[in-house]
Amino acid sequence: MADNHSSQFVRILREIAAELSLDIRDFSSDWAFRLYDGKKQAFIVGYQFPLNTSTARELCQDKALASEVLTAAGVPNVLHVFLPAPEIAAYMEVPEPDDVFTELRKDRPYVVVKDNYGTGGHRVLRVETLSEFREALRGILARSNAACVSPFYEIREEYRVVMLKGRPMLVIRKERPTVTGDGAHTVRELIPEELRESGFVKKLPEETLLMVPGEGETVKLNWKHNLGQGAQGVIVRDKAVLRKLHALAKRAAAAVNAAFLSVDIIDTDEGLLVLELNGGVMMEHFAGQDEECRRIAKRIYKKAVRMIFEEEPEVSK
C-alpha cells in the first residue's frame, strides 16, 4: 500500500518533527505515526493526538452519546437519537425507529439520519417521508453498528472551533459552494471545473443541474457544510461573534473532558447549538486552501505536539 505523502497533515507533521528534533516513524501507510524525543514516545493515529483520554475520544466519536452528555451539562446542542443495528438493539432498551421519525418530523420539513460514528458528512441523509427514513436507516445500518437521528435545522451559518487545552485556537465559518446565475447558463455549466467531479455534485438532481438561474441569483450546491464536500473555511474575525462561539466551545470541551478537539456549532432560529464534536482534529482541507491557512494549521498542530512532550509521562504502578 502506498504512503500518503500528498496529505497536508502528513507533510506538516514531518516538518514539525524535523523542527522539534523528533524522530518520526510512520505505520500503516501514514495512518499512524510514532514520535520520539529520545526519552518519551507518542503515537498519533489518524488525526487523534494522545492529549485526549480514551473516554474523551469515545465521547467525541459517538454523536448520540455526546449529545446526551452535553444536554446533561446544560450545553445547547442538536439532539441525536441513538438507533443501533438489530443485533445490538436486542441487548438494549431503544426507541422504535418509526416513532423517532414521527416525533422529530412533526414540525420540521425533514429529519436527518447519520452514521453515529461517521465523519466528513458521509452517510448523512436528509429525509422527508417515512419510507425514505426506513431506506436511509437500512443503508446506514448495513455498514455501521449504529445510526442516529436528528431534527433538521435551517442553518444560517455553521462554524468550527478548534480547541486546545481549553483555549480556542481557530474559528472558521464553513461557506457552502454556490454558483451565481447569469440568466443564460444552466447550473451544470456554472459549476467550477474543480467541483464537477465531486461526489456531492454528481448526486445533484438532474432538475437542479438543468436550472437556469436568473442574473445575480445564487444557488447553493449542497445542503451540507462539510469542508470535504466543497465548503471553504473562512476565518472568523468578528469579535462579537468570536466571544459567543468561544464561550460555547469551551463549555462543550469541558463537558466531555477533551483537551484537543474541534467543535462544530450552528447558528439557528433557536440560537447557537453544538452540532458535533470531533476528537480527531482534521484541518486537511483548510490547510490546502492557501499558505495562510497552512501556516495556521501547522502552528496549531505544532503546539499540540509540543504539549505531548511537555507533559509528564504516566508512571505504571
C-alpha atoms as a PDB file:
ATOM      1  CA  MET A   1       0.000   0.000   0.000  1.00  0.00           C
ATOM      2  CA  ALA A   2       1.397   3.408  -0.982  1.00  0.00           C
ATOM      3  CA  ASP A   3       2.297   6.029   1.590  1.00  0.00           C
ATOM      4  CA  ASN A   4       0.047   9.095   1.780  1.00  0.00           C
ATOM      5  CA  HIS A   5       2.789  11.655   1.116  1.00  0.00           C
ATOM      6  CA  SER A   6       0.365  14.033  -0.644  1.00  0.00           C
ATOM      7  CA  SER A   7      -1.606  14.643   2.571  1.00  0.00           C
ATOM      8  CA  GLN A   8      -1.196  18.132   4.028  1.00  0.00           C
ATOM      9  CA  PHE A   9      -1.326  16.652   7.526  1.00  0.00           C
ATOM     10  CA  VAL A  10       1.444  14.127   6.828  1.00  0.00           C
ATOM     11  CA  ARG A  11       3.734  16.753   5.340  1.00  0.00           C
ATOM     12  CA  ILE A  12       3.032  19.189   8.170  1.00  0.00           C
ATOM     13  CA  LEU A  13       3.670  16.517  10.797  1.00  0.00           C
ATOM     14  CA  ARG A  14       7.003  15.581   9.214  1.00  0.00           C
ATOM     15  CA  GLU A  15       8.017  19.259   9.130  1.00  0.00           C
ATOM     16  CA  ILE A  16       7.119  19.660  12.809  1.00  0.00           C
ATOM     17  CA  ALA A  17       9.110  16.562  13.767  1.00  0.00           C
ATOM     18  CA  ALA A  18      12.177  17.930  11.968  1.00  0.00           C
ATOM     19  CA  GLU A  19      11.836  21.369  13.572  1.00  0.00           C
ATOM     20  CA  LEU A  20      11.461  19.882  17.069  1.00  0.00           C
ATOM     21  CA  SER A  21      14.235  17.311  16.548  1.00  0.00           C
ATOM     22  CA  LEU A  22      11.851  14.391  16.972  1.00  0.00           C
ATOM     23  CA  ASP A  23      12.346  11.004  15.410  1.00  0.00           C
ATOM     24  CA  ILE A  24       9.262  10.148  13.335  1.00  0.00           C
ATOM     25  CA  ARG A  25       8.234   6.766  12.003  1.00  0.00           C
ATOM     26  CA  ASP A  26       5.106   6.019  10.025  1.00  0.00           C
ATOM     27  CA  PHE A  27       2.863   2.942  10.181  1.00  0.00           C
ATOM     28  CA  SER A  28       0.031   1.591   8.058  1.00  0.00           C
ATOM     29  CA  SER A  29       0.685   3.819   5.046  1.00  0.00           C
ATOM     30  CA  ASP A  30       0.924   7.074   7.004  1.00  0.00           C
ATOM     31  CA  TRP A  31      -2.202   6.367   9.041  1.00  0.00           C
ATOM     32  CA  ALA A  32      -0.245   6.310  12.302  1.00  0.00           C
ATOM     33  CA  PHE A  33       2.992   7.936  13.468  1.00  0.00           C
ATOM     34  CA  ARG A  34       5.413   7.358  16.312  1.00  0.00           C
ATOM     35  CA  LEU A  35       7.198  10.457  17.594  1.00  0.00           C
ATOM     36  CA  TYR A  36      10.236  10.010  19.860  1.00  0.00           C
ATOM     37  CA  ASP A  37      12.412  12.588  21.610  1.00  0.00           C
ATOM     38  CA  GLY A  38      14.979  10.113  22.948  1.00  0.00           C
ATOM     39  CA  LYS A  39      13.137   9.575  26.230  1.00  0.00           C
ATOM     40  CA  LYS A  40       9.447   9.532  25.500  1.00  0.00           C
ATOM     41  CA  GLN A  41       7.433   8.147  22.617  1.00  0.00           C
ATOM     42  CA  ALA A  42       3.969   9.206  21.490  1.00  0.00           C
ATOM     43  CA  PHE A  43       1.634   7.900  18.814  1.00  0.00           C
ATOM     44  CA  ILE A  44      -0.707   9.883  16.578  1.00  0.00           C
ATOM     45  CA  VAL A  45      -3.324   7.706  14.913  1.00  0.00           C
ATOM     46  CA  GLY A  46      -5.411   9.204  12.151  1.00  0.00           C
ATOM     47  CA  TYR A  47      -5.969  12.722  13.448  1.00  0.00           C
ATOM     48  CA  GLN A  48      -6.134  11.577  17.064  1.00  0.00           C
ATOM     49  CA  PHE A  49      -3.449  13.046  19.332  1.00  0.00           C
ATOM     50  CA  PRO A  50      -2.611  11.479  22.727  1.00  0.00           C
ATOM     51  CA  LEU A  51      -3.770  14.625  24.537  1.00  0.00           C
ATOM     52  CA  ASN A  52      -7.294  13.250  24.952  1.00  0.00           C
ATOM     53  CA  THR A  53      -8.155  10.346  27.210  1.00  0.00           C
ATOM     54  CA  SER A  54      -9.693   7.267  25.616  1.00  0.00           C
ATOM     55  CA  THR A  55     -13.067   8.140  27.156  1.00  0.00           C
ATOM     56  CA  ALA A  56     -12.944  11.675  25.736  1.00  0.00           C
ATOM     57  CA  ARG A  57     -12.214  10.229  22.284  1.00  0.00           C
ATOM     58  CA  GLU A  58     -15.193   7.874  22.598  1.00  0.00           C
ATOM     59  CA  LEU A  59     -17.482  10.697  23.695  1.00  0.00           C
ATOM     60  CA  CYS A  60     -16.480  12.804  20.708  1.00  0.00           C
ATOM     61  CA  GLN A  61     -16.842   9.930  18.246  1.00  0.00           C
ATOM     62  CA  ASP A  62     -20.283   8.799  19.428  1.00  0.00           C
ATOM     63  CA  LYS A  63     -22.680  11.514  18.252  1.00  0.00           C
ATOM     64  CA  ALA A  64     -25.693  10.360  20.269  1.00  0.00           C
ATOM     65  CA  LEU A  65     -23.660   9.872  23.452  1.00  0.00           C
ATOM     66  CA  ALA A  66     -22.025  13.289  23.064  1.00  0.00           C
ATOM     67  CA  SER A  67     -25.472  14.860  22.686  1.00  0.00           C
ATOM     68  CA  GLU A  68     -26.662  13.223  25.908  1.00  0.00           C
ATOM     69  CA  VAL A  69     -23.583  14.341  27.835  1.00  0.00           C
ATOM     70  CA  LEU A  70     -23.809  17.905  26.504  1.00  0.00           C
ATOM     71  CA  THR A  71     -27.503  18.074  27.403  1.00  0.00           C
ATOM     72  CA  ALA A  72     -26.771  16.819  30.942  1.00  0.00           C
ATOM     73  CA  ALA A  73     -24.145  19.561  31.258  1.00  0.00           C
ATOM     74  CA  GLY A  74     -26.603  22.229  30.097  1.00  0.00           C
ATOM     75  CA  VAL A  75     -24.766  22.866  26.805  1.00  0.00           C
ATOM     76  CA  PRO A  76     -27.222  23.719  23.982  1.00  0.00           C
ATOM     77  CA  ASN A  77     -26.850  21.148  21.223  1.00  0.00           C
ATOM     78  CA  VAL A  78     -28.599  19.340  18.388  1.00  0.00           C
ATOM     79  CA  LEU A  79     -30.425  16.253  19.634  1.00  0.00           C
ATOM     80  CA  HIS A  80     -29.048  12.961  18.280  1.00  0.00           C
ATOM     81  CA  VAL A  81     -31.168   9.866  18.999  1.00  0.00           C
ATOM     82  CA  PHE A  82     -29.265   6.566  19.078  1.00  0.00           C
ATOM     83  CA  LEU A  83     -30.596   3.774  16.831  1.00  0.00           C
ATOM     84  CA  PRO A  84     -28.352   0.678  16.903  1.00  0.00           C
ATOM     85  CA  ALA A  85     -28.295  -2.234  14.486  1.00  0.00           C
ATOM     86  CA  PRO A  86     -30.795  -5.024  15.342  1.00  0.00           C
ATOM     87  CA  GLU A  87     -28.128  -7.365  16.751  1.00  0.00           C
ATOM     88  CA  ILE A  88     -27.126  -4.643  19.235  1.00  0.00           C
ATOM     89  CA  ALA A  89     -30.653  -3.368  19.898  1.00  0.00           C
ATOM     90  CA  ALA A  90     -31.583  -6.819  21.191  1.00  0.00           C
ATOM     91  CA  TYR A  91     -29.479  -6.117  24.295  1.00  0.00           C
ATOM     92  CA  MET A  92     -30.613  -2.527  24.850  1.00  0.00           C
ATOM     93  CA  GLU A  93     -33.740  -0.553  25.516  1.00  0.00           C
ATOM     94  CA  VAL A  94     -34.046   1.677  22.452  1.00  0.00           C
ATOM     95  CA  PRO A  95     -36.944   3.619  20.943  1.00  0.00           C
ATOM     96  CA  GLU A  96     -38.908   2.371  17.950  1.00  0.00           C
ATOM     97  CA  PRO A  97     -37.289   3.969  14.859  1.00  0.00           C
ATOM     98  CA  ASP A  98     -40.601   4.880  13.208  1.00  0.00           C
ATOM     99  CA  ASP A  99     -41.718   6.639  16.395  1.00  0.00           C
ATOM    100  CA  VAL A 100     -38.472   8.637  16.487  1.00  0.00           C
ATOM    101  CA  PHE A 101     -39.003   9.779  12.903  1.00  0.00           C
ATOM    102  CA  THR A 102     -42.638  10.724  13.527  1.00  0.00           C
ATOM    103  CA  GLU A 103     -41.789  12.739  16.636  1.00  0.00           C
ATOM    104  CA  LEU A 104     -38.889  14.637  15.073  1.00  0.00           C
ATOM    105  CA  ARG A 105     -40.753  15.259  11.814  1.00  0.00           C
ATOM    106  CA  LYS A 106     -43.800  16.844  13.496  1.00  0.00           C
ATOM    107  CA  ASP A 107     -42.939  20.490  12.967  1.00  0.00           C
ATOM    108  CA  ARG A 108     -39.959  20.262  10.614  1.00  0.00           C
ATOM    109  CA  PRO A 109     -39.662  19.701   6.855  1.00  0.00           C
ATOM    110  CA  TYR A 110     -37.011  16.983   7.181  1.00  0.00           C
ATOM    111  CA  VAL A 111     -35.270  14.621   9.556  1.00  0.00           C
ATOM    112  CA  VAL A 112     -31.517  13.962   9.348  1.00  0.00           C
ATOM    113  CA  VAL A 113     -30.210  10.385   9.561  1.00  0.00           C
ATOM    114  CA  LYS A 114     -26.485   9.775  10.128  1.00  0.00           C
ATOM    115  CA  ASP A 115     -23.939   7.104  10.781  1.00  0.00           C
ATOM    116  CA  ASN A 116     -23.497   7.570  14.533  1.00  0.00           C
ATOM    117  CA  TYR A 117     -19.727   7.251  14.166  1.00  0.00           C
ATOM    118  CA  GLY A 118     -19.267   8.785  10.705  1.00  0.00           C
ATOM    119  CA  THR A 119     -17.111  11.732   9.658  1.00  0.00           C
ATOM    120  CA  GLY A 120     -16.860  14.148   6.766  1.00  0.00           C
ATOM    121  CA  GLY A 121     -20.587  14.262   6.060  1.00  0.00           C
ATOM    122  CA  HIS A 122     -20.581  10.757   4.615  1.00  0.00           C
ATOM    123  CA  ARG A 123     -23.756   8.729   5.148  1.00  0.00           C
ATOM    124  CA  VAL A 124     -25.637  11.833   6.301  1.00  0.00           C
ATOM    125  CA  LEU A 125     -29.077  11.910   4.708  1.00  0.00           C
ATOM    126  CA  ARG A 126     -31.932  14.381   4.807  1.00  0.00           C
ATOM    127  CA  VAL A 127     -35.277  12.561   4.559  1.00  0.00           C
ATOM    128  CA  GLU A 128     -38.855  13.753   4.239  1.00  0.00           C
ATOM    129  CA  THR A 129     -41.043  10.643   4.311  1.00  0.00           C
ATOM    130  CA  LEU A 130     -41.217   7.526   6.466  1.00  0.00           C
ATOM    131  CA  SER A 131     -40.267   5.319   3.505  1.00  0.00           C
ATOM    132  CA  GLU A 132     -37.187   7.494   2.822  1.00  0.00           C
ATOM    133  CA  PHE A 133     -36.286   7.277   6.504  1.00  0.00           C
ATOM    134  CA  ARG A 134     -36.543   3.484   6.568  1.00  0.00           C
ATOM    135  CA  GLU A 135     -34.420   3.173   3.430  1.00  0.00           C
ATOM    136  CA  ALA A 136     -31.769   5.550   4.793  1.00  0.00           C
ATOM    137  CA  LEU A 137     -31.670   3.724   8.116  1.00  0.00           C
ATOM    138  CA  ARG A 138     -31.286   0.335   6.421  1.00  0.00           C
ATOM    139  CA  GLY A 139     -28.434   1.651   4.284  1.00  0.00           C
ATOM    140  CA  ILE A 140     -26.526   3.075   7.250  1.00  0.00           C
ATOM    141  CA  LEU A 141     -27.020   0.011   9.458  1.00  0.00           C
ATOM    142  CA  ALA A 142     -25.779  -2.218   6.652  1.00  0.00           C
ATOM    143  CA  ARG A 143     -22.373  -0.540   7.056  1.00  0.00           C
ATOM    144  CA  SER A 144     -22.316   0.650  10.675  1.00  0.00           C
ATOM    145  CA  ASN A 145     -23.243  -0.642  14.137  1.00  0.00           C
ATOM    146  CA  ALA A 146     -25.460   2.355  14.807  1.00  0.00           C
ATOM    147  CA  ALA A 147     -27.234   5.310  13.262  1.00  0.00           C
ATOM    148  CA  CYS A 148     -28.540   8.458  14.907  1.00  0.00           C
ATOM    149  CA  VAL A 149     -31.445  10.699  14.023  1.00  0.00           C
ATOM    150  CA  SER A 150     -31.667  14.462  14.449  1.00  0.00           C
ATOM    151  CA  PRO A 151     -34.193  17.214  13.814  1.00  0.00           C
ATOM    152  CA  PHE A 152     -33.430  19.279  10.720  1.00  0.00           C
ATOM    153  CA  TYR A 153     -32.460  22.920  11.260  1.00  0.00           C
ATOM    154  CA  GLU A 154     -32.316  25.751   8.764  1.00  0.00           C
ATOM    155  CA  ILE A 155     -28.715  26.768   9.338  1.00  0.00           C
ATOM    156  CA  ARG A 156     -27.811  30.416   8.999  1.00  0.00           C
ATOM    157  CA  GLU A 157     -24.104  29.717   9.456  1.00  0.00           C
ATOM    158  CA  GLU A 158     -22.002  26.760  10.541  1.00  0.00           C
ATOM    159  CA  TYR A 159     -18.722  27.254  12.402  1.00  0.00           C
ATOM    160  CA  ARG A 160     -15.825  25.116  13.555  1.00  0.00           C
ATOM    161  CA  VAL A 161     -13.836  25.989  16.668  1.00  0.00           C
ATOM    162  CA  VAL A 162     -10.527  24.217  17.260  1.00  0.00           C
ATOM    163  CA  MET A 163      -9.819  23.923  20.978  1.00  0.00           C
ATOM    164  CA  LEU A 164      -6.502  23.084  22.648  1.00  0.00           C
ATOM    165  CA  LYS A 165      -6.338  22.713  26.435  1.00  0.00           C
ATOM    166  CA  GLY A 166      -9.364  24.934  26.948  1.00  0.00           C
ATOM    167  CA  ARG A 167      -8.209  27.655  24.574  1.00  0.00           C
ATOM    168  CA  PRO A 168      -9.764  28.429  21.171  1.00  0.00           C
ATOM    169  CA  MET A 169      -7.034  28.281  18.533  1.00  0.00           C
ATOM    170  CA  LEU A 170      -9.045  28.811  15.343  1.00  0.00           C
ATOM    171  CA  VAL A 171     -12.612  29.673  14.358  1.00  0.00           C
ATOM    172  CA  ILE A 172     -13.804  29.241  10.798  1.00  0.00           C
ATOM    173  CA  ARG A 173     -17.128  29.685   9.079  1.00  0.00           C
ATOM    174  CA  LYS A 174     -18.000  26.901   6.660  1.00  0.00           C
ATOM    175  CA  GLU A 175     -19.054  28.568   3.424  1.00  0.00           C
ATOM    176  CA  ARG A 176     -21.012  26.221   1.172  1.00  0.00           C
ATOM    177  CA  PRO A 177     -20.233  26.113  -2.574  1.00  0.00           C
ATOM    178  CA  THR A 178     -22.556  28.221  -4.708  1.00  0.00           C
ATOM    179  CA  VAL A 179     -22.998  29.339  -8.285  1.00  0.00           C
ATOM    180  CA  THR A 180     -24.291  32.724  -9.391  1.00  0.00           C
ATOM    181  CA  GLY A 181     -26.639  32.807 -12.336  1.00  0.00           C
ATOM    182  CA  ASP A 182     -26.257  34.917 -15.462  1.00  0.00           C
ATOM    183  CA  GLY A 183     -29.692  34.214 -16.924  1.00  0.00           C
ATOM    184  CA  ALA A 184     -28.217  32.175 -19.766  1.00  0.00           C
ATOM    185  CA  HIS A 185     -26.317  29.144 -18.450  1.00  0.00           C
ATOM    186  CA  THR A 186     -27.508  26.101 -16.521  1.00  0.00           C
ATOM    187  CA  VAL A 187     -26.322  25.230 -13.017  1.00  0.00           C
ATOM    188  CA  ARG A 188     -24.302  22.383 -14.557  1.00  0.00           C
ATOM    189  CA  GLU A 189     -22.495  24.835 -16.840  1.00  0.00           C
ATOM    190  CA  LEU A 190     -21.893  27.306 -13.999  1.00  0.00           C
ATOM    191  CA  ILE A 191     -20.262  24.786 -11.641  1.00  0.00           C
ATOM    192  CA  PRO A 192     -16.484  25.403 -11.468  1.00  0.00           C
ATOM    193  CA  GLU A 193     -14.416  22.727 -13.148  1.00  0.00           C
ATOM    194  CA  GLU A 194     -12.652  21.746  -9.903  1.00  0.00           C
ATOM    195  CA  LEU A 195     -16.015  20.824  -8.348  1.00  0.00           C
ATOM    196  CA  ARG A 196     -17.617  18.982 -11.258  1.00  0.00           C
ATOM    197  CA  GLU A 197     -16.198  15.601 -10.293  1.00  0.00           C
ATOM    198  CA  SER A 198     -17.026  15.969  -6.597  1.00  0.00           C
ATOM    199  CA  GLY A 199     -19.234  13.265  -5.141  1.00  0.00           C
ATOM    200  CA  PHE A 200     -21.890  15.696  -3.906  1.00  0.00           C
ATOM    201  CA  VAL A 201     -22.137  17.369  -7.340  1.00  0.00           C
ATOM    202  CA  LYS A 202     -22.658  14.016  -9.037  1.00  0.00           C
ATOM    203  CA  LYS A 203     -25.602  13.392  -6.701  1.00  0.00           C
ATOM    204  CA  LEU A 204     -27.368  16.673  -7.502  1.00  0.00           C
ATOM    205  CA  PRO A 205     -30.835  16.116  -9.007  1.00  0.00           C
ATOM    206  CA  GLU A 206     -30.945  16.477 -12.766  1.00  0.00           C
ATOM    207  CA  GLU A 207     -33.630  19.157 -12.450  1.00  0.00           C
ATOM    208  CA  THR A 208     -31.239  21.239 -10.324  1.00  0.00           C
ATOM    209  CA  LEU A 209     -28.415  20.836 -12.821  1.00  0.00           C
ATOM    210  CA  LEU A 210     -30.709  21.918 -15.679  1.00  0.00           C
ATOM    211  CA  MET A 211     -31.958  25.060 -13.882  1.00  0.00           C
ATOM    212  CA  VAL A 212     -31.047  28.397 -15.481  1.00  0.00           C
ATOM    213  CA  PRO A 213     -30.689  30.840 -12.551  1.00  0.00           C
ATOM    214  CA  GLY A 214     -31.507  34.458 -13.214  1.00  0.00           C
ATOM    215  CA  GLU A 215     -28.765  37.058 -13.396  1.00  0.00           C
ATOM    216  CA  GLY A 216     -27.291  37.519  -9.922  1.00  0.00           C
ATOM    217  CA  GLU A 217     -29.327  34.654  -8.440  1.00  0.00           C
ATOM    218  CA  THR A 218     -27.336  32.475  -6.011  1.00  0.00           C
ATOM    219  CA  VAL A 219     -27.828  28.700  -5.947  1.00  0.00           C
ATOM    220  CA  LYS A 220     -26.306  26.658  -3.113  1.00  0.00           C
ATOM    221  CA  LEU A 221     -24.910  23.377  -4.407  1.00  0.00           C
ATOM    222  CA  ASN A 222     -25.011  21.441  -1.156  1.00  0.00           C
ATOM    223  CA  TRP A 223     -27.188  21.498   1.960  1.00  0.00           C
ATOM    224  CA  LYS A 224     -24.229  20.181   3.969  1.00  0.00           C
ATOM    225  CA  HIS A 225     -21.406  22.383   5.245  1.00  0.00           C
ATOM    226  CA  ASN A 226     -18.570  19.833   5.229  1.00  0.00           C
ATOM    227  CA  LEU A 227     -15.153  21.087   4.142  1.00  0.00           C
ATOM    228  CA  GLY A 228     -14.555  17.789   2.365  1.00  0.00           C
ATOM    229  CA  GLN A 229     -17.704  18.340   0.281  1.00  0.00           C
ATOM    230  CA  GLY A 230     -16.882  21.638  -1.337  1.00  0.00           C
ATOM    231  CA  ALA A 231     -17.259  24.123   1.531  1.00  0.00           C
ATOM    232  CA  GLN A 232     -14.487  26.632   2.234  1.00  0.00           C
ATOM    233  CA  GLY A 233     -13.196  27.515   5.694  1.00  0.00           C
ATOM    234  CA  VAL A 234     -13.400  31.300   6.142  1.00  0.00           C
ATOM    235  CA  ILE A 235     -11.532  32.626   9.184  1.00  0.00           C
ATOM    236  CA  VAL A 236     -13.905  34.433  11.585  1.00  0.00           C
ATOM    237  CA  ARG A 237     -12.561  37.762  12.803  1.00  0.00           C
ATOM    238  CA  ASP A 238     -15.708  39.482  14.162  1.00  0.00           C
ATOM    239  CA  LYS A 239     -15.003  39.880  17.893  1.00  0.00           C
ATOM    240  CA  ALA A 240     -18.640  39.781  18.985  1.00  0.00           C
ATOM    241  CA  VAL A 241     -19.229  36.537  17.077  1.00  0.00           C
ATOM    242  CA  LEU A 242     -15.969  35.075  18.362  1.00  0.00           C
ATOM    243  CA  ARG A 243     -16.884  35.757  22.000  1.00  0.00           C
ATOM    244  CA  LYS A 244     -20.128  33.779  21.683  1.00  0.00           C
ATOM    245  CA  LEU A 245     -18.513  30.893  19.798  1.00  0.00           C
ATOM    246  CA  HIS A 246     -15.548  30.729  22.184  1.00  0.00           C
ATOM    247  CA  ALA A 247     -17.839  30.575  25.208  1.00  0.00           C
ATOM    248  CA  LEU A 248     -19.960  27.737  23.806  1.00  0.00           C
ATOM    249  CA  ALA A 249     -16.966  25.748  22.529  1.00  0.00           C
ATOM    250  CA  LYS A 250     -15.240  25.994  25.928  1.00  0.00           C
ATOM    251  CA  ARG A 251     -18.337  24.635  27.662  1.00  0.00           C
ATOM    252  CA  ALA A 252     -18.587  21.761  25.179  1.00  0.00           C
ATOM    253  CA  ALA A 253     -14.915  20.806  25.538  1.00  0.00           C
ATOM    254  CA  ALA A 254     -15.169  20.903  29.338  1.00  0.00           C
ATOM    255  CA  ALA A 255     -18.337  18.777  29.320  1.00  0.00           C
ATOM    256  CA  VAL A 256     -16.519  15.838  27.671  1.00  0.00           C
ATOM    257  CA  ASN A 257     -13.085  16.473  29.275  1.00  0.00           C
ATOM    258  CA  ALA A 258     -11.428  16.792  25.851  1.00  0.00           C
ATOM    259  CA  ALA A 259      -8.119  18.635  25.522  1.00  0.00           C
ATOM    260  CA  PHE A 260      -7.732  18.751  21.719  1.00  0.00           C
ATOM    261  CA  LEU A 261     -10.854  18.746  19.598  1.00  0.00           C
ATOM    262  CA  SER A 262     -12.931  20.710  17.134  1.00  0.00           C
ATOM    263  CA  VAL A 263     -16.447  21.829  17.997  1.00  0.00           C
ATOM    264  CA  ASP A 264     -18.967  22.313  15.183  1.00  0.00           C
ATOM    265  CA  ILE A 265     -21.561  24.960  16.025  1.00  0.00           C
ATOM    266  CA  ILE A 266     -24.605  26.037  14.023  1.00  0.00           C
ATOM    267  CA  ASP A 267     -26.490  29.341  14.140  1.00  0.00           C
ATOM    268  CA  THR A 268     -30.244  28.658  14.049  1.00  0.00           C
ATOM    269  CA  ASP A 269     -33.581  30.264  14.949  1.00  0.00           C
ATOM    270  CA  GLU A 270     -33.044  28.699  18.385  1.00  0.00           C
ATOM    271  CA  GLY A 271     -29.639  30.335  18.757  1.00  0.00           C
ATOM    272  CA  LEU A 272     -26.193  28.750  18.707  1.00  0.00           C
ATOM    273  CA  LEU A 273     -26.185  24.949  19.059  1.00  0.00           C
ATOM    274  CA  VAL A 274     -23.321  22.474  19.207  1.00  0.00           C
ATOM    275  CA  LEU A 275     -23.797  20.158  16.236  1.00  0.00           C
ATOM    276  CA  GLU A 276     -20.935  17.688  16.699  1.00  0.00           C
ATOM    277  CA  LEU A 277     -17.612  17.168  18.461  1.00  0.00           C
ATOM    278  CA  ASN A 278     -14.532  15.846  16.684  1.00  0.00           C
ATOM    279  CA  GLY A 279     -11.753  14.341  18.801  1.00  0.00           C
ATOM    280  CA  GLY A 280      -9.620  13.914  15.687  1.00  0.00           C
ATOM    281  CA  VAL A 281      -8.649  17.445  14.670  1.00  0.00           C
ATOM    282  CA  MET A 282      -8.648  17.369  10.882  1.00  0.00           C
ATOM    283  CA  MET A 283      -7.527  20.528   9.063  1.00  0.00           C
ATOM    284  CA  GLU A 284      -6.597  18.837   5.793  1.00  0.00           C
ATOM    285  CA  HIS A 285      -8.911  20.815   3.510  1.00  0.00           C
ATOM    286  CA  PHE A 286      -8.436  24.067   5.416  1.00  0.00           C
ATOM    287  CA  ALA A 287      -4.637  23.768   5.233  1.00  0.00           C
ATOM    288  CA  GLY A 288      -4.861  23.215   1.483  1.00  0.00           C
ATOM    289  CA  GLN A 289      -6.774  26.424   0.785  1.00  0.00           C
ATOM    290  CA  ASP A 290      -3.794  28.798   0.802  1.00  0.00           C
ATOM    291  CA  GLU A 291      -0.478  29.478   2.528  1.00  0.00           C
ATOM    292  CA  GLU A 292      -2.006  31.451   5.400  1.00  0.00           C
ATOM    293  CA  CYS A 293      -4.370  28.590   6.226  1.00  0.00           C
ATOM    294  CA  ARG A 294      -1.497  26.120   6.071  1.00  0.00           C
ATOM    295  CA  ARG A 295       0.591  28.237   8.466  1.00  0.00           C
ATOM    296  CA  ILE A 296      -2.307  28.427  10.923  1.00  0.00           C
ATOM    297  CA  ALA A 297      -2.925  24.667  10.795  1.00  0.00           C
ATOM    298  CA  LYS A 298       0.769  23.943  11.243  1.00  0.00           C
ATOM    299  CA  ARG A 299       1.017  26.314  14.219  1.00  0.00           C
ATOM    300  CA  ILE A 300      -1.870  24.560  15.975  1.00  0.00           C
ATOM    301  CA  TYR A 301      -0.520  21.066  15.322  1.00  0.00           C
ATOM    302  CA  LYS A 302       2.929  22.164  16.478  1.00  0.00           C
ATOM    303  CA  LYS A 303       1.515  23.463  19.770  1.00  0.00           C
ATOM    304  CA  ALA A 304      -0.253  20.130  20.245  1.00  0.00           C
ATOM    305  CA  VAL A 305       2.942  18.147  19.593  1.00  0.00           C
ATOM    306  CA  ARG A 306       4.903  20.355  21.997  1.00  0.00           C
ATOM    307  CA  MET A 307       2.291  19.729  24.690  1.00  0.00           C
ATOM    308  CA  ILE A 308       2.608  15.973  24.248  1.00  0.00           C
ATOM    309  CA  PHE A 309       6.290  16.086  25.139  1.00  0.00           C
ATOM    310  CA  GLU A 310       5.973  18.764  27.819  1.00  0.00           C
ATOM    311  CA  GLU A 311       3.591  16.605  29.840  1.00  0.00           C
ATOM    312  CA  GLU A 312       4.995  14.291  32.455  1.00  0.00           C
ATOM    313  CA  PRO A 313       4.844  10.650  31.318  1.00  0.00           C
ATOM    314  CA  GLU A 314       2.426   8.385  33.149  1.00  0.00           C
ATOM    315  CA  VAL A 315       4.075   6.036  35.667  1.00  0.00           C
ATOM    316  CA  SER A 316       2.904   2.413  35.707  1.00  0.00           C
ATOM    317  CA  LYS A 317       2.007   1.142  39.161  1.00  0.00           C
END
